Amino acid sequence: MSGATKCVRVRLAALTRVEYTEVIEVPADVTQDQLEQLVNKRYSDVDGGDYVEDDHYWEPGHCFTEAADEGEEATGSATFQADAVQFTPY
């Protein structure tokens, strides 16, 4: 590996979830099809502003690198050895 360096931009994305929950009284003999109808009805009825963030759901999105803009200042450096990456923030 040469001593020359270049700057890359690392873009990280995460998928989070919002959810809404409520307790609804239904007949004891309700069918699974009727429960699915209820879910679909409530999904259509409930305003998105009533949803809250689910802090336990966190999935990686599309993460990648790309060339940094000319003259863009680095926020850290990375070195590579075998299968290990060392990141050092500036």
Protein backbone atom coordinates (compact mmCIF):
# COMPACT_ATOMS: atom_id res chain seq x y z
CA MET A 1 0.00 0.00 0.00
CA SER A 2 1.41 3.39 -0.98
CA GLY A 3 1.58 6.43 1.32
CA ALA A 4 -0.85 8.37 -0.89
CA THR A 5 -4.38 8.94 0.42
CA LYS A 6 -7.73 10.09 -0.89
CA CYS A 7 -10.98 11.15 0.75
CA VAL A 8 -14.20 9.15 0.43
CA ARG A 9 -17.63 9.91 1.81
CA VAL A 10 -19.24 7.11 3.81
CA ARG A 11 -23.04 7.18 3.68
CA LEU A 12 -24.85 5.20 6.37
CA ALA A 13 -28.59 4.66 6.36
CA ALA A 14 -30.79 2.98 8.94
CA LEU A 15 -34.40 1.90 8.70
CA THR A 16 -36.49 2.62 11.76
CA ARG A 17 -40.13 1.92 12.44
CA VAL A 18 -43.06 3.84 13.83
CA GLU A 19 -46.01 2.02 15.29
CA TYR A 20 -49.44 2.59 16.73
CA THR A 21 -51.15 0.36 19.24
CA GLU A 22 -54.59 0.28 20.80
CA VAL A 23 -56.81 -2.23 22.61
CA ILE A 24 -60.15 -2.95 20.95
CA GLU A 25 -62.96 -5.06 22.39
CA VAL A 26 -64.30 -7.59 19.87
CA PRO A 27 -66.79 -10.49 20.02
CA ALA A 28 -65.32 -13.66 21.56
CA ASP A 29 -66.10 -15.66 18.42
CA VAL A 30 -64.38 -13.27 16.01
CA THR A 31 -62.67 -15.02 13.09
CA GLN A 32 -59.12 -14.50 11.90
CA ASP A 33 -60.47 -13.01 8.65
CA GLN A 34 -62.52 -10.50 10.65
CA LEU A 35 -59.45 -9.58 12.73
CA GLU A 36 -57.51 -8.96 9.52
CA GLN A 37 -60.38 -6.76 8.30
CA LEU A 38 -60.18 -4.84 11.58
CA VAL A 39 -56.42 -4.35 11.19
CA ASN A 40 -56.87 -3.06 7.62
CA LYS A 41 -59.71 -0.74 8.72
CA ARG A 42 -57.71 0.72 11.60
CA TYR A 43 -54.64 1.13 9.38
CA SER A 44 -56.76 3.23 7.01
CA ASP A 45 -58.39 5.21 9.84
CA VAL A 46 -55.47 6.08 12.13
CA ASP A 47 -53.64 9.31 11.39
CA GLY A 48 -49.87 9.00 10.93
CA GLY A 49 -49.36 11.61 13.64
CA ASP A 50 -50.65 9.08 16.19
CA TYR A 51 -47.73 6.73 15.55
CA VAL A 52 -44.69 6.68 17.86
CA GLU A 53 -41.13 5.57 17.16
CA ASP A 54 -40.19 2.00 17.99
CA ASP A 55 -36.76 2.45 19.61
CA HIS A 56 -36.02 -1.29 19.42
CA TYR A 57 -36.27 -1.64 15.63
CA TRP A 58 -33.12 -0.65 13.79
CA GLU A 59 -32.07 -2.24 10.50
CA PRO A 60 -29.24 -1.21 8.23
CA GLY A 61 -30.31 0.53 5.06
CA HIS A 62 -28.23 1.04 1.93
CA CYS A 63 -24.72 1.91 3.18
CA PHE A 64 -21.91 2.75 0.76
CA THR A 65 -18.91 4.93 -0.03
CA GLU A 66 -18.44 7.44 -2.80
CA ALA A 67 -15.76 9.90 -3.81
CA ALA A 68 -15.64 12.98 -1.61
CA ASP A 69 -15.90 16.39 -3.23
CA GLU A 70 -12.60 18.02 -4.20
CA GLY A 71 -11.19 19.90 -1.22
CA GLU A 72 -13.70 18.42 1.23
CA GLU A 73 -12.13 18.11 4.69
CA ALA A 74 -11.82 14.64 6.23
CA THR A 75 -13.33 13.94 9.66
CA GLY A 76 -11.04 10.98 10.34
CA SER A 77 -8.70 8.43 8.77
CA ALA A 78 -8.81 4.69 8.19
CA THR A 79 -6.08 2.09 7.97
CA PHE A 80 -6.47 -1.49 6.81
CA GLN A 81 -4.61 -4.55 8.04
CA ALA A 82 -5.61 -8.07 6.97
CA ASP A 83 -9.36 -8.24 7.76
CA ALA A 84 -9.36 -5.34 10.24
CA VAL A 85 -10.20 -1.69 9.73
CA GLN A 86 -9.00 0.96 12.19
CA PHE A 87 -10.90 4.26 12.17
CA THR A 88 -9.37 7.29 13.90
CA PRO A 89 -11.54 10.39 14.25
CA TYR A 90 -9.83 13.79 13.91
